Amino acid sequence: ESITTVTTVAGCLERGYTDGRGTNAKFYDPRGLAFSKDGEILVADCSNHCIRRVILTGTSSAYVETFAGTTGQSGYRDGDASQALFNYPSSVTVSSDGTVYVADSHNYRIRKIDGLKVVSTLAGSGQSVVIDGKGQLASFCSPQDITLSKGNNAGGFYVSDGGHCIRHVTDDGTVSTVA
C-alpha cells in the first residue's frame, strides 16, 4: 500500500491577497494553473482579478508574487502587466515561446501576456455573446478554461465558453466554434 503526502506550498485557508512565502501568501478563489517555460506556476487568482506567479524554491514552500494585473481592482485595461486590469480571470495556459494566454471571464476576452510582460487583447469584443470572427470581431459568452492545441490542427488553443460551447482560437486571434 502506498502513501501519498499532500503538502501546501503556497496559500492558506484564509482568503485574501498577500504576496509572500509559503502559507503566508493568500489567494482569493485561485482557479486555472499552468507551468511557465521557467518552471514557475502561474495562477488565475480569480477574485483578486490578477495572475499570480508561484516560484518554486526547492523547499517545502514557495514564493508568491503578482505577475499581471492590479490586485483587487477589476476592469479592462491592456498595457504593462503591473497596470493591466482583468475581471475574474479564470484560466491560464503558456505556449512554448513563453506567451501566457488568459481566459478573462467577465471581460469576455482572451488576453495575452508577452515576454516583455505587456498585456494585450487577442480576441473578444467585450460583449457576452457567441460570435466567431477575428480579434475584436469575435465574442465570448464567458471564457472559462483554456488549453493549448495538440496534434494535427491549426495550432493555437481551445477555450470552454459559458455559451455552452468549445471554441478554437488561432495564434492570430481567429475564433471559431468547434462544438
N, C-alpha and C. Protein backbone atom coordinates (compact mmCIF):
# COMPACT_ATOMS: atom_id res chain seq x y z
N GLU A 1 0.85 -1.17 0.00
CA GLU A 1 0.00 0.00 0.00
C GLU A 1 0.90 1.24 0.00
N SER A 2 0.66 2.13 -0.94
CA SER A 2 1.47 3.35 -1.00
C SER A 2 0.77 4.49 -0.28
N ILE A 3 1.56 5.39 0.25
CA ILE A 3 1.03 6.54 0.96
C ILE A 3 1.41 7.79 0.17
N THR A 4 0.43 8.62 -0.08
CA THR A 4 0.66 9.87 -0.79
C THR A 4 0.61 11.02 0.21
N THR A 5 1.59 11.89 0.14
CA THR A 5 1.64 13.04 1.01
C THR A 5 1.28 14.29 0.23
N VAL A 6 0.36 15.08 0.75
CA VAL A 6 -0.03 16.34 0.13
C VAL A 6 0.55 17.46 0.99
N THR A 7 1.26 18.38 0.35
CA THR A 7 1.89 19.50 1.05
C THR A 7 1.43 20.81 0.44
N THR A 8 1.05 21.75 1.27
CA THR A 8 0.71 23.08 0.79
C THR A 8 2.01 23.85 0.58
N VAL A 9 2.24 24.27 -0.67
CA VAL A 9 3.46 25.03 -0.96
C VAL A 9 3.22 26.54 -0.97
N ALA A 10 1.96 26.95 -1.13
CA ALA A 10 1.63 28.37 -1.12
C ALA A 10 0.16 28.56 -0.81
N GLY A 11 -0.13 29.56 -0.02
CA GLY A 11 -1.52 29.87 0.33
C GLY A 11 -1.90 29.25 1.65
N CYS A 12 -3.06 29.68 2.14
CA CYS A 12 -3.56 29.19 3.42
C CYS A 12 -5.08 29.11 3.35
N LEU A 13 -5.72 28.76 4.44
CA LEU A 13 -7.17 28.60 4.45
C LEU A 13 -7.91 29.94 4.46
N GLU A 14 -7.21 31.01 4.72
CA GLU A 14 -7.83 32.34 4.78
C GLU A 14 -7.71 33.02 3.42
N ARG A 15 -8.86 33.44 2.85
CA ARG A 15 -8.81 34.11 1.56
C ARG A 15 -8.33 35.54 1.74
N GLY A 16 -7.76 36.06 0.65
CA GLY A 16 -7.27 37.43 0.70
C GLY A 16 -6.21 37.63 -0.36
N TYR A 17 -5.40 38.65 -0.17
CA TYR A 17 -4.29 38.90 -1.08
C TYR A 17 -3.06 39.25 -0.27
N THR A 18 -2.05 38.42 -0.38
CA THR A 18 -0.75 38.71 0.20
C THR A 18 0.30 38.01 -0.63
N ASP A 19 1.27 38.76 -1.13
CA ASP A 19 2.44 38.14 -1.72
C ASP A 19 3.31 37.68 -0.55
N GLY A 20 4.04 36.60 -0.76
CA GLY A 20 4.90 36.14 0.33
C GLY A 20 5.28 34.68 0.17
N ARG A 21 5.94 34.17 1.18
CA ARG A 21 6.45 32.81 1.17
C ARG A 21 5.45 31.84 1.78
N GLY A 22 5.28 30.72 1.10
CA GLY A 22 4.51 29.59 1.63
C GLY A 22 3.12 29.94 2.08
N THR A 23 2.81 29.53 3.31
CA THR A 23 1.46 29.73 3.84
C THR A 23 1.21 31.16 4.31
N ASN A 24 2.19 32.03 4.20
CA ASN A 24 1.97 33.46 4.46
C ASN A 24 1.28 34.14 3.27
N ALA A 25 1.38 33.52 2.10
CA ALA A 25 0.73 34.05 0.90
C ALA A 25 -0.76 33.77 0.97
N LYS A 26 -1.56 34.67 0.36
CA LYS A 26 -3.01 34.47 0.32
C LYS A 26 -3.51 34.64 -1.11
N PHE A 27 -4.49 33.80 -1.44
CA PHE A 27 -5.20 33.86 -2.72
C PHE A 27 -6.68 34.08 -2.42
N TYR A 28 -7.41 34.49 -3.44
CA TYR A 28 -8.86 34.64 -3.30
C TYR A 28 -9.50 34.00 -4.54
N ASP A 29 -9.88 32.75 -4.39
CA ASP A 29 -10.50 31.97 -5.46
C ASP A 29 -9.53 31.63 -6.59
N PRO A 30 -8.40 30.98 -6.25
CA PRO A 30 -7.47 30.58 -7.32
C PRO A 30 -8.12 29.54 -8.22
N ARG A 31 -7.94 29.68 -9.52
CA ARG A 31 -8.58 28.77 -10.48
C ARG A 31 -7.52 28.07 -11.31
N GLY A 32 -7.43 28.41 -12.60
CA GLY A 32 -6.55 27.70 -13.51
C GLY A 32 -5.08 27.86 -13.19
N LEU A 33 -4.34 26.78 -13.42
CA LEU A 33 -2.88 26.75 -13.19
C LEU A 33 -2.18 26.34 -14.48
N ALA A 34 -0.98 26.87 -14.68
CA ALA A 34 -0.14 26.44 -15.80
C ALA A 34 1.31 26.66 -15.43
N PHE A 35 2.18 25.80 -15.94
CA PHE A 35 3.61 26.00 -15.73
C PHE A 35 4.16 26.95 -16.78
N SER A 36 4.97 27.90 -16.34
CA SER A 36 5.68 28.78 -17.28
C SER A 36 6.83 28.00 -17.88
N LYS A 37 7.46 28.58 -18.90
CA LYS A 37 8.59 27.88 -19.51
C LYS A 37 9.77 27.80 -18.56
N ASP A 38 9.76 28.60 -17.48
CA ASP A 38 10.83 28.58 -16.48
C ASP A 38 10.51 27.65 -15.31
N GLY A 39 9.36 26.95 -15.38
CA GLY A 39 9.01 26.01 -14.34
C GLY A 39 8.26 26.62 -13.16
N GLU A 40 7.88 27.88 -13.27
CA GLU A 40 7.08 28.51 -12.24
C GLU A 40 5.61 28.20 -12.50
N ILE A 41 4.78 28.31 -11.48
CA ILE A 41 3.35 28.06 -11.64
C ILE A 41 2.64 29.41 -11.76
N LEU A 42 1.87 29.57 -12.82
CA LEU A 42 1.03 30.76 -12.97
C LEU A 42 -0.38 30.40 -12.54
N VAL A 43 -1.02 31.29 -11.79
CA VAL A 43 -2.33 31.02 -11.20
C VAL A 43 -3.29 32.15 -11.59
N ALA A 44 -4.45 31.79 -12.10
CA ALA A 44 -5.51 32.78 -12.31
C ALA A 44 -6.18 32.98 -10.95
N ASP A 45 -5.84 34.07 -10.29
CA ASP A 45 -6.39 34.39 -8.97
C ASP A 45 -7.67 35.18 -9.20
N CYS A 46 -8.74 34.44 -9.42
CA CYS A 46 -9.99 34.95 -9.99
C CYS A 46 -10.55 36.16 -9.24
N SER A 47 -10.81 36.04 -7.97
CA SER A 47 -11.47 37.13 -7.24
C SER A 47 -10.51 38.23 -6.82
N ASN A 48 -9.21 38.04 -7.00
CA ASN A 48 -8.25 39.14 -6.84
C ASN A 48 -8.00 39.84 -8.18
N HIS A 49 -8.60 39.31 -9.26
CA HIS A 49 -8.53 39.92 -10.59
C HIS A 49 -7.09 40.07 -11.10
N CYS A 50 -6.29 39.04 -10.87
CA CYS A 50 -4.90 39.12 -11.32
C CYS A 50 -4.33 37.73 -11.59
N ILE A 51 -3.16 37.71 -12.18
CA ILE A 51 -2.41 36.48 -12.42
C ILE A 51 -1.26 36.49 -11.44
N ARG A 52 -1.11 35.42 -10.70
CA ARG A 52 -0.04 35.32 -9.70
C ARG A 52 0.99 34.32 -10.17
N ARG A 53 2.21 34.48 -9.69
CA ARG A 53 3.31 33.57 -10.02
C ARG A 53 3.78 32.91 -8.73
N VAL A 54 3.87 31.57 -8.77
CA VAL A 54 4.38 30.80 -7.64
C VAL A 54 5.77 30.32 -8.03
N ILE A 55 6.77 30.83 -7.34
CA ILE A 55 8.17 30.50 -7.63
C ILE A 55 8.56 29.36 -6.70
N LEU A 56 8.79 28.20 -7.28
CA LEU A 56 9.16 27.03 -6.50
C LEU A 56 10.62 27.17 -6.10
N THR A 57 10.89 27.00 -4.81
CA THR A 57 12.23 27.27 -4.30
C THR A 57 13.03 26.01 -4.00
N GLY A 58 12.43 24.85 -4.24
CA GLY A 58 13.15 23.60 -3.95
C GLY A 58 12.97 23.16 -2.51
N THR A 59 12.29 23.97 -1.72
CA THR A 59 11.99 23.59 -0.34
C THR A 59 10.51 23.23 -0.29
N SER A 60 9.98 23.08 0.91
CA SER A 60 8.57 22.72 1.04
C SER A 60 7.65 23.91 0.85
N SER A 61 8.20 25.11 0.71
CA SER A 61 7.35 26.28 0.47
C SER A 61 7.81 26.97 -0.80
N ALA A 62 7.03 27.93 -1.23
CA ALA A 62 7.32 28.66 -2.46
C ALA A 62 7.07 30.13 -2.21
N TYR A 63 7.51 30.97 -3.14
CA TYR A 63 7.26 32.40 -3.01
C TYR A 63 6.20 32.81 -4.03
N VAL A 64 5.20 33.59 -3.59
CA VAL A 64 4.10 34.04 -4.44
C VAL A 64 4.24 35.54 -4.68
N GLU A 65 4.07 35.94 -5.95
CA GLU A 65 4.05 37.36 -6.28
C GLU A 65 3.08 37.60 -7.42
N THR A 66 2.67 38.84 -7.59
CA THR A 66 1.74 39.20 -8.67
C THR A 66 2.51 39.27 -9.97
N PHE A 67 2.01 38.56 -10.99
CA PHE A 67 2.63 38.53 -12.31
C PHE A 67 2.00 39.56 -13.24
N ALA A 68 0.68 39.70 -13.17
CA ALA A 68 -0.03 40.67 -14.02
C ALA A 68 -1.35 41.04 -13.37
N GLY A 69 -1.72 42.29 -13.54
CA GLY A 69 -2.99 42.78 -13.01
C GLY A 69 -2.79 43.67 -11.81
N THR A 70 -3.83 44.41 -11.49
CA THR A 70 -3.83 45.29 -10.34
C THR A 70 -4.72 44.64 -9.30
N THR A 71 -4.11 44.09 -8.28
CA THR A 71 -4.79 43.24 -7.32
C THR A 71 -5.99 43.91 -6.69
N GLY A 72 -7.12 43.19 -6.70
CA GLY A 72 -8.34 43.65 -6.07
C GLY A 72 -9.12 44.66 -6.89
N GLN A 73 -8.59 45.05 -8.03
CA GLN A 73 -9.27 46.03 -8.88
C GLN A 73 -9.69 45.37 -10.18
N SER A 74 -10.99 45.20 -10.39
CA SER A 74 -11.47 44.61 -11.63
C SER A 74 -11.63 45.69 -12.68
N GLY A 75 -11.54 45.28 -13.93
CA GLY A 75 -11.73 46.22 -15.03
C GLY A 75 -11.10 45.69 -16.28
N TYR A 76 -10.93 46.55 -17.24
CA TYR A 76 -10.33 46.16 -18.51
C TYR A 76 -9.32 47.23 -18.93
N ARG A 77 -8.05 46.83 -18.97
CA ARG A 77 -7.01 47.72 -19.47
C ARG A 77 -5.83 46.88 -19.95
N ASP A 78 -5.42 47.11 -21.19
CA ASP A 78 -4.21 46.50 -21.73
C ASP A 78 -3.02 47.38 -21.37
N GLY A 79 -1.82 46.83 -21.54
CA GLY A 79 -0.61 47.61 -21.28
C GLY A 79 0.35 46.84 -20.41
N ASP A 80 1.24 47.56 -19.76
CA ASP A 80 2.22 46.95 -18.86
C ASP A 80 1.50 46.06 -17.84
N ALA A 81 2.06 44.88 -17.60
CA ALA A 81 1.41 43.89 -16.74
C ALA A 81 1.08 44.44 -15.36
N SER A 82 1.90 45.34 -14.83
CA SER A 82 1.65 45.87 -13.49
C SER A 82 0.48 46.86 -13.47
N GLN A 83 0.08 47.36 -14.62
CA GLN A 83 -1.02 48.32 -14.71
C GLN A 83 -2.28 47.75 -15.38
N ALA A 84 -2.17 46.57 -15.96
CA ALA A 84 -3.31 45.96 -16.67
C ALA A 84 -4.42 45.62 -15.69
N LEU A 85 -5.64 45.57 -16.21
CA LEU A 85 -6.79 45.18 -15.40
C LEU A 85 -7.47 43.96 -16.01
N PHE A 86 -7.88 43.03 -15.15
CA PHE A 86 -8.62 41.83 -15.52
C PHE A 86 -9.93 41.84 -14.74
N ASN A 87 -10.88 41.02 -15.19
CA ASN A 87 -12.16 40.90 -14.49
C ASN A 87 -12.51 39.42 -14.38
N TYR A 88 -12.19 38.83 -13.26
CA TYR A 88 -12.36 37.41 -12.99
C TYR A 88 -11.63 36.52 -14.00
N PRO A 89 -10.31 36.64 -14.07
CA PRO A 89 -9.58 35.69 -14.93
C PRO A 89 -9.74 34.29 -14.36
N SER A 90 -10.09 33.33 -15.22
CA SER A 90 -10.41 32.00 -14.71
C SER A 90 -9.41 30.92 -15.08
N SER A 91 -8.57 31.17 -16.09
CA SER A 91 -7.65 30.12 -16.53
C SER A 91 -6.48 30.73 -17.28
N VAL A 92 -5.36 30.03 -17.26
CA VAL A 92 -4.17 30.44 -18.00
C VAL A 92 -3.57 29.24 -18.71
N THR A 93 -2.87 29.50 -19.79
CA THR A 93 -2.05 28.49 -20.45
C THR A 93 -0.83 29.19 -21.00
N VAL A 94 0.24 28.44 -21.22
CA VAL A 94 1.51 29.03 -21.65
C VAL A 94 1.99 28.30 -22.90
N SER A 95 2.29 29.06 -23.95
CA SER A 95 2.79 28.47 -25.19
C SER A 95 4.28 28.15 -25.06
N SER A 96 4.81 27.43 -26.04
CA SER A 96 6.22 27.01 -25.99
C SER A 96 7.18 28.20 -26.02
N ASP A 97 6.74 29.34 -26.56
CA ASP A 97 7.63 30.52 -26.58
C ASP A 97 7.49 31.36 -25.31
N GLY A 98 6.66 30.91 -24.36
CA GLY A 98 6.50 31.60 -23.09
C GLY A 98 5.36 32.59 -23.03
N THR A 99 4.65 32.77 -24.14
CA THR A 99 3.49 33.67 -24.13
C THR A 99 2.41 33.08 -23.23
N VAL A 100 1.83 33.92 -22.38
CA VAL A 100 0.78 33.50 -21.46
C VAL A 100 -0.56 33.95 -22.03
N TYR A 101 -1.52 33.04 -22.09
CA TYR A 101 -2.87 33.36 -22.55
C TYR A 101 -3.82 33.24 -21.36
N VAL A 102 -4.75 34.18 -21.24
CA VAL A 102 -5.65 34.25 -20.10
C VAL A 102 -7.10 34.26 -20.57
N ALA A 103 -7.92 33.40 -19.98
CA ALA A 103 -9.37 33.46 -20.18
C ALA A 103 -9.89 34.50 -19.18
N ASP A 104 -10.18 35.69 -19.67
CA ASP A 104 -10.63 36.81 -18.83
C ASP A 104 -12.16 36.80 -18.84
N SER A 105 -12.73 36.02 -17.93
CA SER A 105 -14.14 35.62 -17.98
C SER A 105 -15.14 36.76 -18.07
N HIS A 106 -15.06 37.72 -17.16
CA HIS A 106 -16.08 38.76 -17.13
C HIS A 106 -15.76 39.96 -18.01
N ASN A 107 -14.60 39.93 -18.67
CA ASN A 107 -14.33 40.89 -19.75
C ASN A 107 -14.69 40.27 -21.10
N TYR A 108 -15.02 38.95 -21.09
CA TYR A 108 -15.45 38.23 -22.29
C TYR A 108 -14.37 38.29 -23.38
N ARG A 109 -13.11 38.12 -22.94
CA ARG A 109 -11.98 38.25 -23.85
C ARG A 109 -10.90 37.21 -23.55
N ILE A 110 -10.06 36.97 -24.55
CA ILE A 110 -8.83 36.21 -24.36
C ILE A 110 -7.70 37.23 -24.39
N ARG A 111 -6.91 37.23 -23.32
CA ARG A 111 -5.83 38.19 -23.20
C ARG A 111 -4.51 37.46 -23.36
N LYS A 112 -3.49 38.21 -23.70
CA LYS A 112 -2.17 37.65 -23.98
C LYS A 112 -1.13 38.47 -23.22
N ILE A 113 -0.16 37.79 -22.60
CA ILE A 113 0.93 38.46 -21.90
C ILE A 113 2.22 38.00 -22.58
N ASP A 114 2.92 38.94 -23.21
CA ASP A 114 4.12 38.57 -23.97
C ASP A 114 5.35 38.51 -23.06
N GLY A 115 6.50 38.20 -23.65
CA GLY A 115 7.74 38.05 -22.90
C GLY A 115 8.22 39.32 -22.23
N LEU A 116 7.74 40.48 -22.66
CA LEU A 116 8.09 41.75 -22.04
C LEU A 116 7.09 42.14 -20.96
N LYS A 117 6.16 41.23 -20.65
CA LYS A 117 5.10 41.44 -19.67
C LYS A 117 4.18 42.58 -20.06
N VAL A 118 3.80 42.58 -21.35
CA VAL A 118 2.80 43.52 -21.86
C VAL A 118 1.53 42.73 -22.12
N VAL A 119 0.42 43.21 -21.57
CA VAL A 119 -0.88 42.56 -21.72
C VAL A 119 -1.60 43.19 -22.91
N SER A 120 -2.15 42.34 -23.78
CA SER A 120 -2.94 42.82 -24.91
C SER A 120 -4.14 41.89 -25.08
N THR A 121 -5.12 42.36 -25.83
CA THR A 121 -6.30 41.55 -26.11
C THR A 121 -6.10 40.82 -27.42
N LEU A 122 -6.18 39.49 -27.40
CA LEU A 122 -6.03 38.69 -28.61
C LEU A 122 -7.37 38.56 -29.33
N ALA A 123 -8.44 38.32 -28.56
CA ALA A 123 -9.76 38.11 -29.17
C ALA A 123 -10.85 38.45 -28.17
N GLY A 124 -11.95 38.92 -28.71
CA GLY A 124 -13.12 39.22 -27.91
C GLY A 124 -13.49 40.69 -27.97
N SER A 125 -14.79 40.94 -28.08
CA SER A 125 -15.30 42.31 -28.22
C SER A 125 -15.66 42.94 -26.88
N GLY A 126 -15.75 42.12 -25.83
CA GLY A 126 -16.19 42.63 -24.54
C GLY A 126 -17.68 42.47 -24.33
N GLN A 127 -18.38 41.89 -25.32
CA GLN A 127 -19.82 41.64 -25.20
C GLN A 127 -20.05 40.16 -24.96
N SER A 128 -21.00 39.84 -24.10
CA SER A 128 -21.28 38.46 -23.72
C SER A 128 -22.23 37.81 -24.72
N VAL A 129 -21.63 37.29 -25.81
CA VAL A 129 -22.39 36.62 -26.85
C VAL A 129 -21.41 35.73 -27.61
N VAL A 130 -21.89 34.68 -28.24
CA VAL A 130 -21.02 33.78 -29.00
C VAL A 130 -21.03 34.21 -30.47
N ILE A 131 -19.91 34.77 -30.93
CA ILE A 131 -19.75 35.17 -32.34
C ILE A 131 -18.36 34.77 -32.78
N ASP A 132 -18.26 34.01 -33.86
CA ASP A 132 -16.97 33.67 -34.44
C ASP A 132 -16.43 34.87 -35.22
N GLY A 133 -15.13 34.97 -35.34
CA GLY A 133 -14.50 36.06 -36.07
C GLY A 133 -13.06 36.21 -35.66
N LYS A 134 -12.46 37.31 -36.05
CA LYS A 134 -11.05 37.56 -35.75
C LYS A 134 -10.90 38.77 -34.83
N GLY A 135 -10.07 38.60 -33.81
CA GLY A 135 -9.78 39.70 -32.89
C GLY A 135 -11.02 40.22 -32.20
N GLN A 136 -11.24 41.54 -32.30
CA GLN A 136 -12.37 42.16 -31.62
C GLN A 136 -13.70 41.96 -32.34
N LEU A 137 -13.67 41.30 -33.50
CA LEU A 137 -14.92 40.95 -34.18
C LEU A 137 -15.53 39.68 -33.61
N ALA A 138 -14.74 38.93 -32.85
CA ALA A 138 -15.23 37.72 -32.17
C ALA A 138 -15.78 38.10 -30.80
N SER A 139 -16.66 37.25 -30.28
CA SER A 139 -17.18 37.47 -28.93
C SER A 139 -17.28 36.15 -28.19
N PHE A 140 -17.13 36.23 -26.88
CA PHE A 140 -17.26 35.09 -25.99
C PHE A 140 -18.39 35.37 -25.02
N CYS A 141 -19.09 34.32 -24.60
CA CYS A 141 -20.14 34.47 -23.60
C CYS A 141 -19.50 34.63 -22.22
N SER A 142 -18.55 33.77 -21.91
CA SER A 142 -17.80 33.84 -20.65
C SER A 142 -16.71 32.76 -20.71
N PRO A 143 -15.54 33.09 -21.26
CA PRO A 143 -14.49 32.08 -21.38
C PRO A 143 -14.06 31.56 -20.00
N GLN A 144 -14.04 30.25 -19.86
CA GLN A 144 -13.78 29.65 -18.55
C GLN A 144 -12.42 28.94 -18.46
N ASP A 145 -12.14 28.05 -19.39
CA ASP A 145 -10.91 27.27 -19.31
C ASP A 145 -10.21 27.38 -20.65
N ILE A 146 -8.90 27.27 -20.63
CA ILE A 146 -8.11 27.44 -21.84
C ILE A 146 -6.98 26.42 -21.84
N THR A 147 -6.75 25.78 -22.98
CA THR A 147 -5.67 24.80 -23.07
C THR A 147 -5.07 24.83 -24.47
N LEU A 148 -3.78 24.58 -24.55
CA LEU A 148 -3.09 24.58 -25.84
C LEU A 148 -3.59 23.47 -26.74
N SER A 149 -3.60 23.72 -28.03
CA SER A 149 -3.95 22.70 -29.01
C SER A 149 -2.81 21.70 -29.13
N LYS A 150 -3.17 20.47 -29.40
CA LYS A 150 -2.18 19.41 -29.61
C LYS A 150 -2.53 18.69 -30.89
N GLY A 151 -1.51 18.10 -31.52
CA GLY A 151 -1.79 17.24 -32.67
C GLY A 151 -1.92 17.97 -33.98
N ASN A 152 -2.70 17.39 -34.87
CA ASN A 152 -2.79 17.83 -36.26
C ASN A 152 -3.92 18.85 -36.43
N ASN A 153 -3.65 20.10 -36.07
CA ASN A 153 -4.66 21.14 -36.20
C ASN A 153 -4.01 22.47 -36.53
N ALA A 154 -4.74 23.53 -36.41
CA ALA A 154 -4.26 24.86 -36.81
C ALA A 154 -3.43 25.55 -35.74
N GLY A 155 -2.97 24.84 -34.70
CA GLY A 155 -2.24 25.48 -33.61
C GLY A 155 -3.18 26.23 -32.71
N GLY A 156 -2.66 27.18 -31.96
CA GLY A 156 -3.50 27.97 -31.07
C GLY A 156 -3.92 27.18 -29.85
N PHE A 157 -5.17 27.39 -29.44
CA PHE A 157 -5.66 26.76 -28.22
C PHE A 157 -7.18 26.66 -28.25
N TYR A 158 -7.72 25.90 -27.28
CA TYR A 158 -9.16 25.71 -27.14
C TYR A 158 -9.64 26.41 -25.88
N VAL A 159 -10.89 26.90 -25.93
CA VAL A 159 -11.49 27.62 -24.81
C VAL A 159 -12.87 27.03 -24.56
N SER A 160 -13.16 26.67 -23.30
CA SER A 160 -14.54 26.34 -22.96
C SER A 160 -15.24 27.66 -22.66
N ASP A 161 -16.37 27.86 -23.32
CA ASP A 161 -17.08 29.14 -23.22
C ASP A 161 -18.39 28.93 -22.49
N GLY A 162 -18.76 29.87 -21.64
CA GLY A 162 -20.00 29.78 -20.88
C GLY A 162 -21.25 29.78 -21.75
N GLY A 163 -21.08 29.99 -23.06
CA GLY A 163 -22.19 29.89 -24.01
C GLY A 163 -22.45 28.45 -24.40
N HIS A 164 -21.98 27.51 -23.57
CA HIS A 164 -22.21 26.07 -23.75
C HIS A 164 -21.53 25.55 -25.01
N CYS A 165 -20.31 26.01 -25.25
CA CYS A 165 -19.60 25.57 -26.45
C CYS A 165 -18.09 25.56 -26.22
N ILE A 166 -17.40 24.93 -27.16
CA ILE A 166 -15.95 24.87 -27.17
C ILE A 166 -15.48 25.70 -28.36
N ARG A 167 -14.53 26.59 -28.14
CA ARG A 167 -14.05 27.49 -29.19
C ARG A 167 -12.59 27.20 -29.47
N HIS A 168 -12.17 27.37 -30.72
CA HIS A 168 -10.77 27.27 -31.09
C HIS A 168 -10.29 28.68 -31.43
N VAL A 169 -9.12 29.04 -30.89
CA VAL A 169 -8.54 30.36 -31.14
C VAL A 169 -7.15 30.15 -31.74
N THR A 170 -6.91 30.71 -32.93
CA THR A 170 -5.60 30.59 -33.56
C THR A 170 -4.68 31.68 -33.00
N ASP A 171 -3.40 31.56 -33.30
CA ASP A 171 -2.41 32.50 -32.80
C ASP A 171 -2.65 33.93 -33.25
N ASP A 172 -3.39 34.11 -34.37
CA ASP A 172 -3.68 35.46 -34.84
C ASP A 172 -5.02 35.99 -34.32
N GLY A 173 -5.67 35.24 -33.41
CA GLY A 173 -6.89 35.70 -32.78
C GLY A 173 -8.16 35.32 -33.51
N THR A 174 -8.10 34.41 -34.49
CA THR A 174 -9.30 33.95 -35.18
C THR A 174 -10.02 32.93 -34.31
N VAL A 175 -11.29 33.19 -34.04
CA VAL A 175 -12.09 32.35 -33.15
C VAL A 175 -13.14 31.60 -33.96
N SER A 176 -13.24 30.29 -33.72
CA SER A 176 -14.30 29.50 -34.36
C SER A 176 -14.89 28.55 -33.32
N THR A 177 -16.16 28.30 -33.44
CA THR A 177 -16.86 27.36 -32.56
C THR A 177 -16.71 25.97 -33.13
N VAL A 178 -16.19 25.03 -32.33
CA VAL A 178 -15.95 23.68 -32.84
C VAL A 178 -16.95 22.67 -32.25
N ALA A 179 -17.55 22.99 -31.15
CA ALA A 179 -18.55 22.07 -30.54
C ALA A 179 -19.45 22.84 -29.58
